[in-house]
Structure formats: C-alpha cells, structure tokens
Amino acid sequence: MTRQVEVVYEAGLLRPLEPLPFRDRQHLTVTVTDESPGRRTFNNREREQQWLRTHGAGHAGDWVALDGDRLVAHGKNGREVLEQAWSDGIQEPLVIRIPDEPELPFGGW
C-alpha cells in the first residue's frame, strides 16, 4: 500500500497528523519533502515573498496570483485572478493586491 500523509517533525521524530493503519513497530519506507503539495501555511511562503520584493513594483495596482516564485495570473479583479489560478490547477495560490504606491516608512514617536 502507498499513502501520502502529512506529518510534523517534533523532537527528532516524525508524527503523523492522522491515524495510520499500521502495526506498532512495523517497518515502513518513508519519502520526506519539506513542502506539502496543495497545503501551505503563512510561514512557508518565502518564495512568494521574494517574488513580491523583486517584481511587485511592476504590478502596482494589480491583483497577482503566485505559486511559489511563479506568477500565475494578474489583473484588476481579484476574483478573476483567483479563478484563473484555479483553472490552471493551482489549489492554494497566494492572491494579493499590490498597492498603487509603496507604503511610507513609519518613523515612530
């Protein structure tokens, strides 16, 4: 049987996030990747953040849909951009509007 399961790494051990149908101490072959396909968290959007820093100014005023460091869609309507990304098979794109003007730095009091 072949299964793909999501796990969390804690204290040197891989712990599955769902129950598995294996016997205690059963030997298994495991393939590990550090990015779960189709499921991302805020903390692992580094490639999208880098793309925004590098290319964001060129899309000021537009909505963009990113998959990693790849621009999937862009335009003036956020919903249309999201639907275009979905139609291209991207399940969870980062969809964000690039401001027309960069934010001013905060000087504090």
N, C-alpha and C. Protein backbone atom coordinates (compact mmCIF):
# COMPACT_ATOMS: atom_id res chain seq x y z
N MET A 1 0.85 -1.17 0.00
CA MET A 1 0.00 0.00 0.00
C MET A 1 0.90 1.24 0.00
N THR A 2 0.49 2.24 -0.77
CA THR A 2 1.19 3.52 -0.80
C THR A 2 0.22 4.60 -0.34
N ARG A 3 0.66 5.41 0.61
CA ARG A 3 -0.15 6.52 1.14
C ARG A 3 0.71 7.75 1.27
N GLN A 4 0.09 8.89 1.07
CA GLN A 4 0.76 10.15 1.33
C GLN A 4 0.08 10.76 2.55
N VAL A 5 0.85 11.03 3.60
CA VAL A 5 0.28 11.59 4.82
C VAL A 5 1.10 12.80 5.24
N GLU A 6 0.44 13.72 5.91
CA GLU A 6 1.13 14.88 6.44
C GLU A 6 1.62 14.56 7.85
N VAL A 7 2.85 14.96 8.13
CA VAL A 7 3.44 14.71 9.44
C VAL A 7 4.03 16.01 9.98
N VAL A 8 4.32 16.02 11.28
CA VAL A 8 5.02 17.13 11.90
C VAL A 8 6.29 16.56 12.52
N TYR A 9 7.36 17.31 12.41
CA TYR A 9 8.65 16.89 12.97
C TYR A 9 8.78 17.51 14.35
N GLU A 10 8.86 16.68 15.40
CA GLU A 10 8.97 17.15 16.78
C GLU A 10 10.01 16.34 17.52
N ALA A 11 10.94 17.01 18.14
CA ALA A 11 11.94 16.37 19.00
C ALA A 11 12.60 15.18 18.32
N GLY A 12 12.93 15.32 17.03
CA GLY A 12 13.62 14.27 16.32
C GLY A 12 12.75 13.17 15.77
N LEU A 13 11.43 13.28 15.90
CA LEU A 13 10.52 12.24 15.41
C LEU A 13 9.51 12.82 14.44
N LEU A 14 9.10 12.01 13.47
CA LEU A 14 8.03 12.38 12.55
C LEU A 14 6.73 11.84 13.13
N ARG A 15 5.77 12.74 13.41
CA ARG A 15 4.49 12.33 13.99
C ARG A 15 3.38 12.59 12.99
N PRO A 16 2.64 11.54 12.58
CA PRO A 16 1.54 11.75 11.63
C PRO A 16 0.43 12.58 12.24
N LEU A 17 -0.24 13.36 11.40
CA LEU A 17 -1.34 14.21 11.86
C LEU A 17 -2.69 13.50 11.78
N GLU A 18 -2.68 12.24 11.37
CA GLU A 18 -3.90 11.44 11.31
C GLU A 18 -3.53 10.00 11.68
N PRO A 19 -4.50 9.22 12.15
CA PRO A 19 -4.21 7.83 12.50
C PRO A 19 -3.80 7.03 11.25
N LEU A 20 -2.89 6.08 11.43
CA LEU A 20 -2.43 5.25 10.33
C LEU A 20 -2.75 3.78 10.61
N PRO A 21 -3.01 2.99 9.56
CA PRO A 21 -3.43 1.60 9.75
C PRO A 21 -2.27 0.61 9.85
N PHE A 22 -1.19 0.98 10.51
CA PHE A 22 -0.03 0.10 10.60
C PHE A 22 0.11 -0.49 12.00
N ARG A 23 0.79 -1.64 12.07
CA ARG A 23 1.05 -2.27 13.36
C ARG A 23 2.14 -1.50 14.09
N ASP A 24 2.13 -1.58 15.40
CA ASP A 24 3.18 -0.99 16.22
C ASP A 24 4.52 -1.62 15.83
N ARG A 25 5.53 -0.80 15.62
CA ARG A 25 6.89 -1.20 15.25
C ARG A 25 7.00 -1.81 13.85
N GLN A 26 5.97 -1.65 13.02
CA GLN A 26 6.03 -2.12 11.64
C GLN A 26 7.05 -1.28 10.89
N HIS A 27 7.90 -1.90 10.11
CA HIS A 27 8.90 -1.17 9.32
C HIS A 27 8.25 -0.66 8.05
N LEU A 28 8.52 0.61 7.72
CA LEU A 28 7.96 1.26 6.55
C LEU A 28 9.07 1.99 5.81
N THR A 29 8.87 2.25 4.54
CA THR A 29 9.76 3.10 3.76
C THR A 29 9.10 4.47 3.65
N VAL A 30 9.84 5.52 3.98
CA VAL A 30 9.27 6.86 4.03
C VAL A 30 10.03 7.78 3.08
N THR A 31 9.30 8.57 2.32
CA THR A 31 9.87 9.62 1.48
C THR A 31 9.46 10.94 2.10
N VAL A 32 10.40 11.86 2.29
CA VAL A 32 10.11 13.10 3.00
C VAL A 32 10.32 14.29 2.07
N THR A 33 9.38 15.22 2.10
CA THR A 33 9.53 16.51 1.41
C THR A 33 9.16 17.60 2.41
N ASP A 34 9.79 18.75 2.32
CA ASP A 34 9.54 19.79 3.32
C ASP A 34 8.42 20.74 2.92
N GLU A 35 7.71 20.48 1.84
CA GLU A 35 6.56 21.30 1.47
C GLU A 35 5.45 20.38 1.01
N SER A 36 4.36 20.37 1.74
CA SER A 36 3.23 19.53 1.38
C SER A 36 2.54 20.09 0.15
N PRO A 37 2.33 19.29 -0.89
CA PRO A 37 1.63 19.80 -2.07
C PRO A 37 0.20 20.15 -1.73
N GLY A 38 -0.25 21.30 -2.22
CA GLY A 38 -1.64 21.69 -2.01
C GLY A 38 -1.94 22.24 -0.64
N ARG A 39 -0.97 22.28 0.25
CA ARG A 39 -1.24 22.81 1.58
C ARG A 39 -0.04 23.64 2.03
N ARG A 40 -0.27 24.90 2.20
CA ARG A 40 0.79 25.80 2.62
C ARG A 40 0.33 26.57 3.83
N THR A 41 1.31 27.05 4.59
CA THR A 41 0.98 27.91 5.71
C THR A 41 1.62 29.26 5.48
N PHE A 42 1.22 30.21 6.27
CA PHE A 42 1.78 31.55 6.16
C PHE A 42 3.30 31.52 6.27
N ASN A 43 3.82 30.65 7.12
CA ASN A 43 5.26 30.63 7.39
C ASN A 43 6.10 30.06 6.26
N ASN A 44 5.52 29.37 5.30
CA ASN A 44 6.36 28.84 4.23
C ASN A 44 6.03 29.46 2.88
N ARG A 45 5.78 30.73 2.87
CA ARG A 45 5.53 31.49 1.64
C ARG A 45 6.75 32.33 1.28
N GLU A 46 7.95 31.86 1.63
CA GLU A 46 9.16 32.64 1.38
C GLU A 46 9.37 32.95 -0.10
N ARG A 47 9.12 31.95 -0.95
CA ARG A 47 9.34 32.18 -2.38
C ARG A 47 8.39 33.23 -2.93
N GLU A 48 7.13 33.24 -2.47
CA GLU A 48 6.18 34.26 -2.90
C GLU A 48 6.61 35.64 -2.39
N GLN A 49 7.06 35.70 -1.14
CA GLN A 49 7.51 36.98 -0.59
C GLN A 49 8.71 37.52 -1.36
N GLN A 50 9.63 36.63 -1.74
CA GLN A 50 10.79 37.07 -2.53
C GLN A 50 10.34 37.59 -3.89
N TRP A 51 9.38 36.91 -4.53
CA TRP A 51 8.87 37.37 -5.81
C TRP A 51 8.26 38.76 -5.66
N LEU A 52 7.48 38.98 -4.59
CA LEU A 52 6.87 40.29 -4.37
C LEU A 52 7.92 41.37 -4.19
N ARG A 53 8.98 41.08 -3.44
CA ARG A 53 10.04 42.08 -3.25
C ARG A 53 10.74 42.41 -4.57
N THR A 54 10.93 41.40 -5.40
CA THR A 54 11.68 41.58 -6.65
C THR A 54 10.82 42.17 -7.77
N HIS A 55 9.58 41.69 -7.92
CA HIS A 55 8.77 42.04 -9.09
C HIS A 55 7.49 42.83 -8.77
N GLY A 56 7.16 42.97 -7.50
CA GLY A 56 5.89 43.59 -7.12
C GLY A 56 5.67 44.97 -7.68
N ALA A 57 6.68 45.81 -7.69
CA ALA A 57 6.52 47.19 -8.17
C ALA A 57 6.05 47.24 -9.62
N GLY A 58 6.41 46.26 -10.40
CA GLY A 58 5.99 46.23 -11.80
C GLY A 58 4.52 45.89 -11.99
N HIS A 59 3.84 45.52 -10.92
CA HIS A 59 2.42 45.18 -10.98
C HIS A 59 1.60 46.05 -10.03
N ALA A 60 2.08 47.28 -9.77
CA ALA A 60 1.38 48.19 -8.86
C ALA A 60 -0.06 48.39 -9.32
N GLY A 61 -0.99 48.27 -8.36
CA GLY A 61 -2.41 48.44 -8.64
C GLY A 61 -3.11 47.18 -9.11
N ASP A 62 -2.36 46.12 -9.36
CA ASP A 62 -2.94 44.86 -9.85
C ASP A 62 -3.06 43.84 -8.73
N TRP A 63 -3.95 42.88 -8.94
CA TRP A 63 -4.01 41.67 -8.15
C TRP A 63 -3.08 40.67 -8.82
N VAL A 64 -2.33 39.91 -8.03
CA VAL A 64 -1.46 38.87 -8.58
C VAL A 64 -1.76 37.56 -7.86
N ALA A 65 -1.60 36.46 -8.59
CA ALA A 65 -1.71 35.12 -8.03
C ALA A 65 -0.35 34.46 -8.23
N LEU A 66 0.23 33.99 -7.13
CA LEU A 66 1.56 33.39 -7.17
C LEU A 66 1.50 31.95 -6.70
N ASP A 67 2.32 31.12 -7.32
CA ASP A 67 2.54 29.76 -6.87
C ASP A 67 4.04 29.62 -6.73
N GLY A 68 4.51 29.72 -5.49
CA GLY A 68 5.95 29.77 -5.28
C GLY A 68 6.49 31.06 -5.87
N ASP A 69 7.54 30.95 -6.68
CA ASP A 69 8.12 32.13 -7.30
C ASP A 69 7.62 32.32 -8.73
N ARG A 70 6.44 31.78 -9.02
CA ARG A 70 5.88 31.85 -10.37
C ARG A 70 4.60 32.67 -10.36
N LEU A 71 4.54 33.68 -11.24
CA LEU A 71 3.32 34.47 -11.43
C LEU A 71 2.35 33.63 -12.25
N VAL A 72 1.19 33.34 -11.68
CA VAL A 72 0.19 32.50 -12.33
C VAL A 72 -0.83 33.36 -13.09
N ALA A 73 -1.24 34.47 -12.48
CA ALA A 73 -2.24 35.34 -13.11
C ALA A 73 -2.11 36.73 -12.49
N HIS A 74 -2.60 37.74 -13.23
CA HIS A 74 -2.64 39.10 -12.69
C HIS A 74 -3.72 39.88 -13.42
N GLY A 75 -4.23 40.91 -12.76
CA GLY A 75 -5.27 41.73 -13.36
C GLY A 75 -5.87 42.67 -12.33
N LYS A 76 -6.90 43.40 -12.74
CA LYS A 76 -7.53 44.40 -11.88
C LYS A 76 -8.62 43.81 -10.97
N ASN A 77 -9.10 42.60 -11.27
CA ASN A 77 -10.17 41.98 -10.50
C ASN A 77 -9.63 40.76 -9.74
N GLY A 78 -9.64 40.85 -8.42
CA GLY A 78 -9.08 39.79 -7.58
C GLY A 78 -9.76 38.45 -7.78
N ARG A 79 -11.08 38.45 -7.90
CA ARG A 79 -11.81 37.19 -8.08
C ARG A 79 -11.42 36.52 -9.40
N GLU A 80 -11.31 37.31 -10.47
CA GLU A 80 -10.92 36.76 -11.77
C GLU A 80 -9.51 36.19 -11.73
N VAL A 81 -8.62 36.86 -11.01
CA VAL A 81 -7.24 36.38 -10.87
C VAL A 81 -7.23 35.04 -10.13
N LEU A 82 -8.00 34.96 -9.05
CA LEU A 82 -8.08 33.70 -8.29
C LEU A 82 -8.66 32.58 -9.15
N GLU A 83 -9.73 32.86 -9.88
CA GLU A 83 -10.34 31.83 -10.72
C GLU A 83 -9.40 31.39 -11.83
N GLN A 84 -8.59 32.30 -12.37
CA GLN A 84 -7.61 31.93 -13.39
C GLN A 84 -6.57 30.98 -12.80
N ALA A 85 -6.12 31.28 -11.59
CA ALA A 85 -5.14 30.40 -10.93
C ALA A 85 -5.75 29.01 -10.70
N TRP A 86 -6.99 28.97 -10.23
CA TRP A 86 -7.66 27.68 -10.03
C TRP A 86 -7.79 26.93 -11.35
N SER A 87 -8.13 27.64 -12.42
CA SER A 87 -8.30 26.97 -13.72
C SER A 87 -6.97 26.42 -14.24
N ASP A 88 -5.86 26.99 -13.78
CA ASP A 88 -4.54 26.49 -14.14
C ASP A 88 -4.08 25.35 -13.22
N GLY A 89 -4.98 24.93 -12.31
CA GLY A 89 -4.67 23.80 -11.44
C GLY A 89 -3.98 24.15 -10.14
N ILE A 90 -3.85 25.42 -9.82
CA ILE A 90 -3.21 25.84 -8.57
C ILE A 90 -4.28 25.86 -7.49
N GLN A 91 -4.17 24.96 -6.51
CA GLN A 91 -5.21 24.84 -5.49
C GLN A 91 -5.19 25.96 -4.47
N GLU A 92 -4.01 26.36 -4.02
CA GLU A 92 -3.90 27.40 -2.99
C GLU A 92 -2.88 28.46 -3.38
N PRO A 93 -3.20 29.28 -4.38
CA PRO A 93 -2.26 30.34 -4.75
C PRO A 93 -2.25 31.44 -3.70
N LEU A 94 -1.18 32.19 -3.66
CA LEU A 94 -1.17 33.42 -2.87
C LEU A 94 -1.74 34.49 -3.78
N VAL A 95 -2.88 35.07 -3.40
CA VAL A 95 -3.52 36.12 -4.19
C VAL A 95 -3.48 37.38 -3.35
N ILE A 96 -2.89 38.42 -3.92
CA ILE A 96 -2.69 39.65 -3.17
C ILE A 96 -2.74 40.84 -4.12
N ARG A 97 -3.21 41.98 -3.61
CA ARG A 97 -3.22 43.20 -4.40
C ARG A 97 -1.97 44.00 -4.09
N ILE A 98 -1.26 44.39 -5.14
CA ILE A 98 -0.06 45.22 -4.99
C ILE A 98 -0.53 46.67 -4.89
N PRO A 99 -0.16 47.38 -3.82
CA PRO A 99 -0.59 48.78 -3.67
C PRO A 99 -0.13 49.64 -4.84
N ASP A 100 -0.92 50.70 -5.14
CA ASP A 100 -0.54 51.62 -6.21
C ASP A 100 0.77 52.34 -5.89
N GLU A 101 0.94 52.68 -4.63
CA GLU A 101 2.16 53.36 -4.19
C GLU A 101 2.75 52.59 -3.03
N PRO A 102 4.06 52.57 -2.93
CA PRO A 102 4.66 51.86 -1.79
C PRO A 102 4.29 52.53 -0.48
N GLU A 103 4.21 51.74 0.58
CA GLU A 103 3.90 52.29 1.89
C GLU A 103 5.04 53.19 2.36
N LEU A 104 4.66 54.26 3.05
CA LEU A 104 5.66 55.16 3.61
C LEU A 104 6.28 54.50 4.84
N PRO A 105 7.55 54.75 5.07
CA PRO A 105 8.16 54.16 6.27
C PRO A 105 7.56 54.81 7.52
N PHE A 106 7.47 54.02 8.58
CA PHE A 106 6.95 54.51 9.85
C PHE A 106 8.12 55.01 10.69
N GLY A 107 8.04 56.26 11.14
CA GLY A 107 9.14 56.84 11.91
C GLY A 107 8.97 56.71 13.40
N GLY A 108 7.76 56.44 13.85
CA GLY A 108 7.52 56.32 15.29
C GLY A 108 7.47 57.67 15.97
N TRP A 109 7.32 57.65 17.26
CA TRP A 109 7.25 58.89 18.05
C TRP A 109 8.51 59.10 18.80
